[in-house]
Amino acid sequence: MKKLVEVNDTLLTKLKVLSAFEGLSVKALMEKAIELFVIQKEKEQLDSLTEEQKEDLGLLLLMQQADRTKTVGKDEIFKLLE
């Protein structure tokens, strides 16, 4: 996906210097910076969740990974609960 982002000249100069030090193109450096920013924000959001919210999120993720084509009968569930 291509997006145009306007960057002021001072910031562009700094990006060019950093990209030279990192051995990356300016585009690659910006992509890396954005990726790190998003990861940091996701971590901050997870850290701010309560334990109950973290458990709910974990359960949701596990449920999304489950094979929805397999079903279990009511009798089998009650046998496991005994």
C-alpha atoms as a PDB file:
ATOM      1  CA  MET A   1       0.000   0.000   0.000  1.00  0.00           C
ATOM      2  CA  LYS A   2       1.421   3.349  -0.948  1.00  0.00           C
ATOM      3  CA  LYS A   3       0.736   6.403   1.165  1.00  0.00           C
ATOM      4  CA  LEU A   4       2.156   9.866   0.812  1.00  0.00           C
ATOM      5  CA  VAL A   5       3.472  11.455   3.970  1.00  0.00           C
ATOM      6  CA  GLU A   6       4.698  15.001   4.053  1.00  0.00           C
ATOM      7  CA  VAL A   7       7.795  15.454   6.199  1.00  0.00           C
ATOM      8  CA  ASN A   8       9.362  18.823   6.976  1.00  0.00           C
ATOM      9  CA  ASP A   9      12.885  19.488   5.707  1.00  0.00           C
ATOM     10  CA  THR A  10      14.543  19.312   9.128  1.00  0.00           C
ATOM     11  CA  LEU A  11      13.068  15.918   9.883  1.00  0.00           C
ATOM     12  CA  LEU A  12      13.888  14.678   6.383  1.00  0.00           C
ATOM     13  CA  THR A  13      17.543  15.664   6.856  1.00  0.00           C
ATOM     14  CA  LYS A  14      17.642  13.780  10.169  1.00  0.00           C
ATOM     15  CA  LEU A  15      16.041  10.756   8.528  1.00  0.00           C
ATOM     16  CA  LYS A  16      18.654  10.800   5.771  1.00  0.00           C
ATOM     17  CA  VAL A  17      21.497  10.923   8.301  1.00  0.00           C
ATOM     18  CA  LEU A  18      19.992   8.111  10.379  1.00  0.00           C
ATOM     19  CA  SER A  19      19.364   6.009   7.295  1.00  0.00           C
ATOM     20  CA  ALA A  20      23.028   6.390   6.320  1.00  0.00           C
ATOM     21  CA  PHE A  21      24.136   5.239   9.785  1.00  0.00           C
ATOM     22  CA  GLU A  22      21.689   2.325   9.749  1.00  0.00           C
ATOM     23  CA  GLY A  23      22.488   1.325   6.179  1.00  0.00           C
ATOM     24  CA  LEU A  24      18.823   1.511   5.240  1.00  0.00           C
ATOM     25  CA  SER A  25      16.835   3.552   2.788  1.00  0.00           C
ATOM     26  CA  VAL A  26      14.774   6.398   4.227  1.00  0.00           C
ATOM     27  CA  LYS A  27      11.638   4.434   3.354  1.00  0.00           C
ATOM     28  CA  ALA A  28      12.895   1.317   5.166  1.00  0.00           C
ATOM     29  CA  LEU A  29      13.916   3.400   8.182  1.00  0.00           C
ATOM     30  CA  MET A  30      10.466   5.008   8.366  1.00  0.00           C
ATOM     31  CA  GLU A  31       8.781   1.599   8.052  1.00  0.00           C
ATOM     32  CA  LYS A  32      10.965   0.241  10.857  1.00  0.00           C
ATOM     33  CA  ALA A  33      10.200   3.265  13.059  1.00  0.00           C
ATOM     34  CA  ILE A  34       6.460   2.922  12.472  1.00  0.00           C
ATOM     35  CA  GLU A  35       6.571  -0.803  13.199  1.00  0.00           C
ATOM     36  CA  LEU A  36       8.424  -0.209  16.484  1.00  0.00           C
ATOM     37  CA  PHE A  37       5.945   2.529  17.429  1.00  0.00           C
ATOM     38  CA  VAL A  38       2.951   0.260  16.796  1.00  0.00           C
ATOM     39  CA  ILE A  39       4.534  -2.592  18.785  1.00  0.00           C
ATOM     40  CA  GLN A  40       5.195  -0.212  21.697  1.00  0.00           C
ATOM     41  CA  LYS A  41       1.601   1.062  21.674  1.00  0.00           C
ATOM     42  CA  GLU A  42       0.239  -2.498  21.594  1.00  0.00           C
ATOM     43  CA  LYS A  43       2.449  -3.375  24.572  1.00  0.00           C
ATOM     44  CA  GLU A  44       1.227  -0.318  26.473  1.00  0.00           C
ATOM     45  CA  GLN A  45      -2.385  -1.335  25.815  1.00  0.00           C
ATOM     46  CA  LEU A  46      -1.771  -4.892  27.000  1.00  0.00           C
ATOM     47  CA  ASP A  47       0.033  -3.655  30.114  1.00  0.00           C
ATOM     48  CA  SER A  48      -2.932  -1.444  31.005  1.00  0.00           C
ATOM     49  CA  LEU A  49      -5.409  -4.353  30.953  1.00  0.00           C
ATOM     50  CA  THR A  50      -6.638  -5.908  34.185  1.00  0.00           C
ATOM     51  CA  GLU A  51      -5.920  -9.593  34.854  1.00  0.00           C
ATOM     52  CA  GLU A  52      -9.517 -10.473  34.009  1.00  0.00           C
ATOM     53  CA  GLN A  53      -9.295  -8.599  30.695  1.00  0.00           C
ATOM     54  CA  LYS A  54      -6.022 -10.382  29.884  1.00  0.00           C
ATOM     55  CA  GLU A  55      -7.654 -13.752  30.597  1.00  0.00           C
ATOM     56  CA  ASP A  56     -10.633 -12.825  28.407  1.00  0.00           C
ATOM     57  CA  LEU A  57      -8.311 -11.782  25.587  1.00  0.00           C
ATOM     58  CA  GLY A  58      -6.326 -15.014  25.915  1.00  0.00           C
ATOM     59  CA  LEU A  59      -9.515 -17.051  25.779  1.00  0.00           C
ATOM     60  CA  LEU A  60     -10.677 -15.121  22.718  1.00  0.00           C
ATOM     61  CA  LEU A  61      -7.378 -15.801  20.942  1.00  0.00           C
ATOM     62  CA  LEU A  62      -7.595 -19.506  21.788  1.00  0.00           C
ATOM     63  CA  MET A  63     -11.176 -19.659  20.548  1.00  0.00           C
ATOM     64  CA  GLN A  64     -10.137 -18.086  17.252  1.00  0.00           C
ATOM     65  CA  GLN A  65      -7.525 -20.826  16.774  1.00  0.00           C
ATOM     66  CA  ALA A  66      -9.991 -23.637  17.449  1.00  0.00           C
ATOM     67  CA  ASP A  67     -11.099 -25.938  14.632  1.00  0.00           C
ATOM     68  CA  ARG A  68     -14.710 -24.943  14.079  1.00  0.00           C
ATOM     69  CA  THR A  69     -15.492 -27.972  11.965  1.00  0.00           C
ATOM     70  CA  LYS A  70     -15.117 -30.326  14.920  1.00  0.00           C
ATOM     71  CA  THR A  71     -18.041 -30.638  17.291  1.00  0.00           C
ATOM     72  CA  VAL A  72     -18.477 -32.437  20.566  1.00  0.00           C
ATOM     73  CA  GLY A  73     -21.719 -33.937  21.746  1.00  0.00           C
ATOM     74  CA  LYS A  74     -23.442 -32.968  24.955  1.00  0.00           C
ATOM     75  CA  ASP A  75     -22.931 -36.448  26.445  1.00  0.00           C
ATOM     76  CA  GLU A  76     -19.173 -36.283  25.854  1.00  0.00           C
ATOM     77  CA  ILE A  77     -18.950 -32.943  27.654  1.00  0.00           C
ATOM     78  CA  PHE A  78     -20.858 -34.262  30.672  1.00  0.00           C
ATOM     79  CA  LYS A  79     -18.577 -37.317  30.826  1.00  0.00           C
ATOM     80  CA  LEU A  80     -15.546 -35.012  31.010  1.00  0.00           C
ATOM     81  CA  LEU A  81     -17.126 -32.969  33.784  1.00  0.00           C
ATOM     82  CA  GLU A  82     -17.733 -35.971  36.043  1.00  0.00           C
END
